[in-house]
Amino acid sequence: MKFSPSIFDVIATCLPKQGYVLEIGCGSGELLRRLSRSSRCVFFGIDPDPNLVKQAAGAGLPVKAGRGEEIPYRRNYFDAVVMECVFSLCDSRQTVHELCRVLRPGGIAVIADLYSNTCDLTLRHSPMLKHLYRPETMNCLFRPAMELKSYGDYTKELRAMFFQMMLERKLCGCVGISDVPVLKEARVGYGLWVWRKPNIGGGLV
C-alpha cells in the first residue's frame, strides 16, 4: 500500500491531455497502471529499488532504475513528472534541479507529499523519510526555477487514510518509531503542488 492520501482522480486531472509523463519512485507501478488506463499520455517510471523495477518491468511497464536526484533521461524529454509521496525522500535541491532539466518548457511537476505546519524538519531516525518542509519552504525550493500553477490541501484525506492503515495494521515502514513524536509535534499535513517550467528562459539547467 502506497503512503499517499491524494486521490487518483486529482493527479490524473493535473496531467496534460497527451505527451510523455514520468513517475519518480513508481514502485511496482500501481499508479502508472491506473494512469495509463485513463489517459492518452505515454508513461514511464523510475525507482531505486531493483526488485520493484523488475516487478514492474515484468508486468510490461516501461520502468527502469533511477532516482529523483539523477534522472536517467535527457534534457527537455517530459511534458510532466509525478512524485507521489517521494519528494520528502530525496535530496530536495538536486531533485528540483533534475526536474527542471528533464521537463520541456511549459512542462509540469506534480508533487504530492507530506508537509510540516510548524518548522522545517530533518528526520534522522527514519529509514526512508528524510525531511518535511513547511509549504512556504516548498515554494522557495521551486522558485524561481518554476512557477506555481495550483495547490490543494488533502490533510483530511491523510487522516482518514492513516486511520484505515491502523485498522489494517499496514502502517508505513518509512518512518522510524523515534521520529513519530517529532511528526506529531509538526502537525503534519498533505499537499499537492503543480509546478510549471517557464516556456522561455528561467529554470535550472
C-alpha atoms as a PDB file:
ATOM      1  CA  MET A   1       0.000   0.000   0.000  1.00  0.00           C
ATOM      2  CA  LYS A   2       1.492   3.329  -1.041  1.00  0.00           C
ATOM      3  CA  PHE A   3       1.588   6.060   1.575  1.00  0.00           C
ATOM      4  CA  SER A   4      -0.498   8.735  -0.155  1.00  0.00           C
ATOM      5  CA  PRO A   5      -3.962  10.132   0.538  1.00  0.00           C
ATOM      6  CA  SER A   6      -4.143  12.079  -2.718  1.00  0.00           C
ATOM      7  CA  ILE A   7      -6.949  10.615  -4.764  1.00  0.00           C
ATOM      8  CA  PHE A   8      -6.147   9.194  -8.174  1.00  0.00           C
ATOM      9  CA  ASP A   9      -8.607  11.476  -9.986  1.00  0.00           C
ATOM     10  CA  VAL A  10      -6.858  14.591  -8.691  1.00  0.00           C
ATOM     11  CA  ILE A  11      -3.448  13.534 -10.000  1.00  0.00           C
ATOM     12  CA  ALA A  12      -4.935  12.425 -13.314  1.00  0.00           C
ATOM     13  CA  THR A  13      -6.687  15.787 -13.746  1.00  0.00           C
ATOM     14  CA  CYS A  14      -3.399  17.648 -13.255  1.00  0.00           C
ATOM     15  CA  LEU A  15      -1.683  15.900 -16.183  1.00  0.00           C
ATOM     16  CA  PRO A  16      -1.654  17.116 -19.794  1.00  0.00           C
ATOM     17  CA  LYS A  17      -4.044  15.511 -22.269  1.00  0.00           C
ATOM     18  CA  GLN A  18      -1.140  13.975 -24.158  1.00  0.00           C
ATOM     19  CA  GLY A  19       2.639  13.772 -24.037  1.00  0.00           C
ATOM     20  CA  TYR A  20       5.378  11.964 -22.116  1.00  0.00           C
ATOM     21  CA  VAL A  21       4.929  11.562 -18.352  1.00  0.00           C
ATOM     22  CA  LEU A  22       7.479  10.228 -15.846  1.00  0.00           C
ATOM     23  CA  GLU A  23       6.672   8.930 -12.360  1.00  0.00           C
ATOM     24  CA  ILE A  24       9.630   9.116  -9.972  1.00  0.00           C
ATOM     25  CA  GLY A  25       9.565   6.457  -7.261  1.00  0.00           C
ATOM     26  CA  CYS A  26       6.972   4.399  -9.116  1.00  0.00           C
ATOM     27  CA  GLY A  27       7.492   1.243  -7.048  1.00  0.00           C
ATOM     28  CA  SER A  28       5.818  -1.758  -8.661  1.00  0.00           C
ATOM     29  CA  GLY A  29       3.845   0.532 -10.978  1.00  0.00           C
ATOM     30  CA  GLU A  30       0.414   0.751  -9.331  1.00  0.00           C
ATOM     31  CA  LEU A  31      -0.123   4.426 -10.170  1.00  0.00           C
ATOM     32  CA  LEU A  32       1.390   4.028 -13.639  1.00  0.00           C
ATOM     33  CA  ARG A  33      -1.098   1.293 -14.472  1.00  0.00           C
ATOM     34  CA  ARG A  34      -4.055   3.361 -13.312  1.00  0.00           C
ATOM     35  CA  LEU A  35      -2.949   6.483 -15.147  1.00  0.00           C
ATOM     36  CA  SER A  36      -2.200   4.668 -18.388  1.00  0.00           C
ATOM     37  CA  ARG A  37      -5.715   3.208 -18.450  1.00  0.00           C
ATOM     38  CA  SER A  38      -7.355   6.649 -18.326  1.00  0.00           C
ATOM     39  CA  SER A  39      -5.003   8.853 -20.348  1.00  0.00           C
ATOM     40  CA  ARG A  40      -3.583   9.216 -23.836  1.00  0.00           C
ATOM     41  CA  CYS A  41      -0.166  10.128 -22.419  1.00  0.00           C
ATOM     42  CA  VAL A  42       2.847   7.834 -22.714  1.00  0.00           C
ATOM     43  CA  PHE A  43       4.032   6.877 -19.230  1.00  0.00           C
ATOM     44  CA  PHE A  44       7.474   5.985 -17.895  1.00  0.00           C
ATOM     45  CA  GLY A  45       8.690   5.173 -14.395  1.00  0.00           C
ATOM     46  CA  ILE A  46      11.893   5.060 -12.377  1.00  0.00           C
ATOM     47  CA  ASP A  47      12.595   3.608  -8.937  1.00  0.00           C
ATOM     48  CA  PRO A  48      15.791   2.979  -6.931  1.00  0.00           C
ATOM     49  CA  ASP A  49      14.662  -0.470  -5.741  1.00  0.00           C
ATOM     50  CA  PRO A  50      15.847  -3.106  -8.260  1.00  0.00           C
ATOM     51  CA  ASN A  51      13.278  -5.658  -7.058  1.00  0.00           C
ATOM     52  CA  LEU A  52      10.385  -3.244  -7.658  1.00  0.00           C
ATOM     53  CA  VAL A  53      11.818  -2.262 -11.035  1.00  0.00           C
ATOM     54  CA  LYS A  54      11.993  -5.917 -12.015  1.00  0.00           C
ATOM     55  CA  GLN A  55       8.436  -6.482 -10.819  1.00  0.00           C
ATOM     56  CA  ALA A  56       7.081  -3.516 -12.776  1.00  0.00           C
ATOM     57  CA  ALA A  57       9.060  -4.385 -15.899  1.00  0.00           C
ATOM     58  CA  GLY A  58       7.810  -7.967 -15.661  1.00  0.00           C
ATOM     59  CA  ALA A  59       4.278  -6.607 -15.819  1.00  0.00           C
ATOM     60  CA  GLY A  60       5.107  -4.852 -19.078  1.00  0.00           C
ATOM     61  CA  LEU A  61       5.581  -1.345 -17.678  1.00  0.00           C
ATOM     62  CA  PRO A  62       8.348   0.937 -19.058  1.00  0.00           C
ATOM     63  CA  VAL A  63      10.221   1.204 -15.751  1.00  0.00           C
ATOM     64  CA  LYS A  64      13.958   1.364 -15.075  1.00  0.00           C
ATOM     65  CA  ALA A  65      16.314   2.103 -12.212  1.00  0.00           C
ATOM     66  CA  GLY A  66      16.724   5.730 -11.233  1.00  0.00           C
ATOM     67  CA  ARG A  67      16.341   8.360  -8.517  1.00  0.00           C
ATOM     68  CA  GLY A  68      14.964  11.853  -8.318  1.00  0.00           C
ATOM     69  CA  GLU A  69      18.476  13.199  -7.796  1.00  0.00           C
ATOM     70  CA  GLU A  70      19.745  11.609 -11.015  1.00  0.00           C
ATOM     71  CA  ILE A  71      17.006  11.037 -13.590  1.00  0.00           C
ATOM     72  CA  PRO A  72      18.258   8.767 -16.427  1.00  0.00           C
ATOM     73  CA  TYR A  73      16.666  10.748 -19.271  1.00  0.00           C
ATOM     74  CA  ARG A  74      17.889  13.586 -21.455  1.00  0.00           C
ATOM     75  CA  ARG A  75      17.089  17.271 -21.118  1.00  0.00           C
ATOM     76  CA  ASN A  76      13.599  18.526 -22.089  1.00  0.00           C
ATOM     77  CA  TYR A  77      12.209  14.997 -22.525  1.00  0.00           C
ATOM     78  CA  PHE A  78       8.985  15.021 -20.483  1.00  0.00           C
ATOM     79  CA  ASP A  79       5.767  17.001 -20.546  1.00  0.00           C
ATOM     80  CA  ALA A  80       5.033  16.113 -16.915  1.00  0.00           C
ATOM     81  CA  VAL A  81       6.675  14.455 -13.922  1.00  0.00           C
ATOM     82  CA  VAL A  82       4.791  12.955 -10.969  1.00  0.00           C
ATOM     83  CA  MET A  83       6.187  12.413  -7.468  1.00  0.00           C
ATOM     84  CA  GLU A  84       3.666  10.798  -5.117  1.00  0.00           C
ATOM     85  CA  CYS A  85       4.988  10.975  -1.544  1.00  0.00           C
ATOM     86  CA  VAL A  86       8.555  10.719  -2.867  1.00  0.00           C
ATOM     87  CA  PHE A  87       9.936  14.274  -2.795  1.00  0.00           C
ATOM     88  CA  SER A  88      10.379  14.051   1.001  1.00  0.00           C
ATOM     89  CA  LEU A  89      12.613  11.001   0.494  1.00  0.00           C
ATOM     90  CA  CYS A  90      15.026  12.776  -1.876  1.00  0.00           C
ATOM     91  CA  ASP A  91      17.679  15.451  -1.747  1.00  0.00           C
ATOM     92  CA  SER A  92      15.369  18.379  -2.431  1.00  0.00           C
ATOM     93  CA  ARG A  93      17.617  20.854  -4.246  1.00  0.00           C
ATOM     94  CA  GLN A  94      19.205  18.273  -6.525  1.00  0.00           C
ATOM     95  CA  THR A  95      15.779  16.807  -7.305  1.00  0.00           C
ATOM     96  CA  VAL A  96      14.344  20.216  -8.258  1.00  0.00           C
ATOM     97  CA  HIS A  97      17.377  20.736 -10.498  1.00  0.00           C
ATOM     98  CA  GLU A  98      16.738  17.403 -12.214  1.00  0.00           C
ATOM     99  CA  LEU A  99      13.018  18.082 -12.624  1.00  0.00           C
ATOM    100  CA  CYS A 100      13.807  21.325 -14.408  1.00  0.00           C
ATOM    101  CA  ARG A 101      16.354  19.579 -16.588  1.00  0.00           C
ATOM    102  CA  VAL A 102      14.108  16.785 -17.886  1.00  0.00           C
ATOM    103  CA  LEU A 103      10.920  18.847 -18.247  1.00  0.00           C
ATOM    104  CA  ARG A 104      10.206  20.552 -21.518  1.00  0.00           C
ATOM    105  CA  PRO A 105       9.453  24.295 -21.463  1.00  0.00           C
ATOM    106  CA  GLY A 106       5.866  24.570 -20.233  1.00  0.00           C
ATOM    107  CA  GLY A 107       6.053  21.099 -18.631  1.00  0.00           C
ATOM    108  CA  ILE A 108       4.664  20.471 -15.153  1.00  0.00           C
ATOM    109  CA  ALA A 109       5.808  18.744 -11.973  1.00  0.00           C
ATOM    110  CA  VAL A 110       3.021  17.238  -9.832  1.00  0.00           C
ATOM    111  CA  ILE A 111       4.314  16.915  -6.265  1.00  0.00           C
ATOM    112  CA  ALA A 112       2.033  15.205  -3.710  1.00  0.00           C
ATOM    113  CA  ASP A 113       3.643  14.937  -0.290  1.00  0.00           C
ATOM    114  CA  LEU A 114       3.626  15.484   3.445  1.00  0.00           C
ATOM    115  CA  TYR A 115       4.370  18.902   4.897  1.00  0.00           C
ATOM    116  CA  SER A 116       5.012  20.407   8.325  1.00  0.00           C
ATOM    117  CA  ASN A 117       2.791  23.069   9.881  1.00  0.00           C
ATOM    118  CA  THR A 118       5.403  24.218  12.387  1.00  0.00           C
ATOM    119  CA  CYS A 119       9.004  24.170  11.169  1.00  0.00           C
ATOM    120  CA  ASP A 120      11.232  22.501   8.602  1.00  0.00           C
ATOM    121  CA  LEU A 121      12.376  19.106   9.856  1.00  0.00           C
ATOM    122  CA  THR A 122      15.254  16.748   9.100  1.00  0.00           C
ATOM    123  CA  LEU A 123      14.391  13.223  10.231  1.00  0.00           C
ATOM    124  CA  ARG A 124      17.429  11.276  11.395  1.00  0.00           C
ATOM    125  CA  HIS A 125      15.907   8.002  12.592  1.00  0.00           C
ATOM    126  CA  SER A 126      13.591   7.073   9.729  1.00  0.00           C
ATOM    127  CA  PRO A 127      14.729   4.538   7.133  1.00  0.00           C
ATOM    128  CA  MET A 128      13.314   6.489   4.175  1.00  0.00           C
ATOM    129  CA  LEU A 129      11.686   9.801   5.097  1.00  0.00           C
ATOM    130  CA  LYS A 130      14.393  12.480   5.044  1.00  0.00           C
ATOM    131  CA  HIS A 131      12.696  15.809   5.609  1.00  0.00           C
ATOM    132  CA  LEU A 132       9.425  17.675   5.997  1.00  0.00           C
ATOM    133  CA  TYR A 133       9.078  21.260   4.853  1.00  0.00           C
ATOM    134  CA  ARG A 134       6.579  23.976   5.522  1.00  0.00           C
ATOM    135  CA  PRO A 135       4.574  24.976   2.406  1.00  0.00           C
ATOM    136  CA  GLU A 136       6.462  28.280   2.384  1.00  0.00           C
ATOM    137  CA  THR A 137       9.765  26.415   2.157  1.00  0.00           C
ATOM    138  CA  MET A 138       8.458  24.225  -0.651  1.00  0.00           C
ATOM    139  CA  ASN A 139       7.660  27.387  -2.586  1.00  0.00           C
ATOM    140  CA  CYS A 140      11.186  28.701  -2.031  1.00  0.00           C
ATOM    141  CA  LEU A 141      12.751  25.437  -3.207  1.00  0.00           C
ATOM    142  CA  PHE A 142      10.960  25.536  -6.558  1.00  0.00           C
ATOM    143  CA  ARG A 143      11.106  29.269  -7.233  1.00  0.00           C
ATOM    144  CA  PRO A 144      12.364  30.985  -9.338  1.00  0.00           C
ATOM    145  CA  ALA A 145      13.069  27.869 -11.417  1.00  0.00           C
ATOM    146  CA  MET A 146       9.365  27.019 -11.717  1.00  0.00           C
ATOM    147  CA  GLU A 147       6.003  28.742 -11.383  1.00  0.00           C
ATOM    148  CA  LEU A 148       3.257  27.522  -9.024  1.00  0.00           C
ATOM    149  CA  LYS A 149       0.269  26.573 -11.169  1.00  0.00           C
ATOM    150  CA  SER A 150      -2.022  25.196  -8.429  1.00  0.00           C
ATOM    151  CA  TYR A 151      -2.080  23.847  -4.887  1.00  0.00           C
ATOM    152  CA  GLY A 152      -4.543  21.647  -2.991  1.00  0.00           C
ATOM    153  CA  ASP A 153      -4.576  20.508   0.628  1.00  0.00           C
ATOM    154  CA  TYR A 154      -5.536  16.894   1.402  1.00  0.00           C
ATOM    155  CA  THR A 155      -4.849  16.716   5.126  1.00  0.00           C
ATOM    156  CA  LYS A 156      -8.338  15.369   5.848  1.00  0.00           C
ATOM    157  CA  GLU A 157      -7.731  12.535   3.401  1.00  0.00           C
ATOM    158  CA  LEU A 158      -4.373  11.866   5.080  1.00  0.00           C
ATOM    159  CA  ARG A 159      -6.020  11.431   8.474  1.00  0.00           C
ATOM    160  CA  ALA A 160      -8.700   9.141   7.099  1.00  0.00           C
ATOM    161  CA  MET A 161      -6.115   7.019   5.298  1.00  0.00           C
ATOM    162  CA  PHE A 162      -3.855   6.842   8.360  1.00  0.00           C
ATOM    163  CA  PHE A 163      -6.772   5.629  10.481  1.00  0.00           C
ATOM    164  CA  GLN A 164      -7.591   2.958   7.900  1.00  0.00           C
ATOM    165  CA  MET A 165      -3.949   1.838   7.812  1.00  0.00           C
ATOM    166  CA  MET A 166      -4.004   1.480  11.602  1.00  0.00           C
ATOM    167  CA  LEU A 167      -7.094  -0.709  11.376  1.00  0.00           C
ATOM    168  CA  GLU A 168      -5.467  -2.872   8.717  1.00  0.00           C
ATOM    169  CA  ARG A 169      -2.103  -2.898  10.533  1.00  0.00           C
ATOM    170  CA  LYS A 170      -0.389  -1.524   7.432  1.00  0.00           C
ATOM    171  CA  LEU A 171       1.433   1.456   8.896  1.00  0.00           C
ATOM    172  CA  CYS A 172       4.160   2.725   6.626  1.00  0.00           C
ATOM    173  CA  GLY A 173       7.669   1.419   7.332  1.00  0.00           C
ATOM    174  CA  CYS A 174       9.419   4.562   6.074  1.00  0.00           C
ATOM    175  CA  VAL A 175       9.035   6.366   9.440  1.00  0.00           C
ATOM    176  CA  GLY A 176      11.163   5.399  12.447  1.00  0.00           C
ATOM    177  CA  ILE A 177       9.374   4.936  15.779  1.00  0.00           C
ATOM    178  CA  SER A 178      11.558   7.541  17.489  1.00  0.00           C
ATOM    179  CA  ASP A 179      10.552  10.120  14.857  1.00  0.00           C
ATOM    180  CA  VAL A 180       6.805   9.704  15.489  1.00  0.00           C
ATOM    181  CA  PRO A 181       6.726  12.308  18.338  1.00  0.00           C
ATOM    182  CA  VAL A 182       8.565  14.744  16.062  1.00  0.00           C
ATOM    183  CA  LEU A 183       5.969  14.255  13.327  1.00  0.00           C
ATOM    184  CA  LYS A 184       3.151  14.689  15.827  1.00  0.00           C
ATOM    185  CA  GLU A 185       4.623  17.985  17.038  1.00  0.00           C
ATOM    186  CA  ALA A 186       4.974  19.140  13.427  1.00  0.00           C
ATOM    187  CA  ARG A 187       1.206  18.708  12.896  1.00  0.00           C
ATOM    188  CA  VAL A 188       1.783  17.013   9.565  1.00  0.00           C
ATOM    189  CA  GLY A 189      -0.428  17.820   6.604  1.00  0.00           C
ATOM    190  CA  TYR A 190      -0.578  16.672   2.986  1.00  0.00           C
ATOM    191  CA  GLY A 191      -0.467  18.885  -0.079  1.00  0.00           C
ATOM    192  CA  LEU A 192      -0.477  18.589  -3.843  1.00  0.00           C
ATOM    193  CA  TRP A 193       1.585  21.160  -5.746  1.00  0.00           C
ATOM    194  CA  VAL A 194       1.591  21.592  -9.510  1.00  0.00           C
ATOM    195  CA  TRP A 195       4.676  23.472 -10.697  1.00  0.00           C
ATOM    196  CA  ARG A 196       5.231  24.680 -14.250  1.00  0.00           C
ATOM    197  CA  LYS A 197       8.547  25.164 -16.027  1.00  0.00           C
ATOM    198  CA  PRO A 198       8.542  28.528 -17.851  1.00  0.00           C
ATOM    199  CA  ASN A 199       8.132  28.435 -21.616  1.00  0.00           C
ATOM    200  CA  ILE A 200      11.006  30.802 -22.272  1.00  0.00           C
ATOM    201  CA  GLY A 201      14.022  31.322 -20.046  1.00  0.00           C
ATOM    202  CA  GLY A 202      14.030  30.525 -16.334  1.00  0.00           C
ATOM    203  CA  GLY A 203      14.508  27.048 -14.945  1.00  0.00           C
ATOM    204  CA  LEU A 204      17.648  25.316 -13.843  1.00  0.00           C
ATOM    205  CA  VAL A 205      19.801  23.557 -16.404  1.00  0.00           C
END
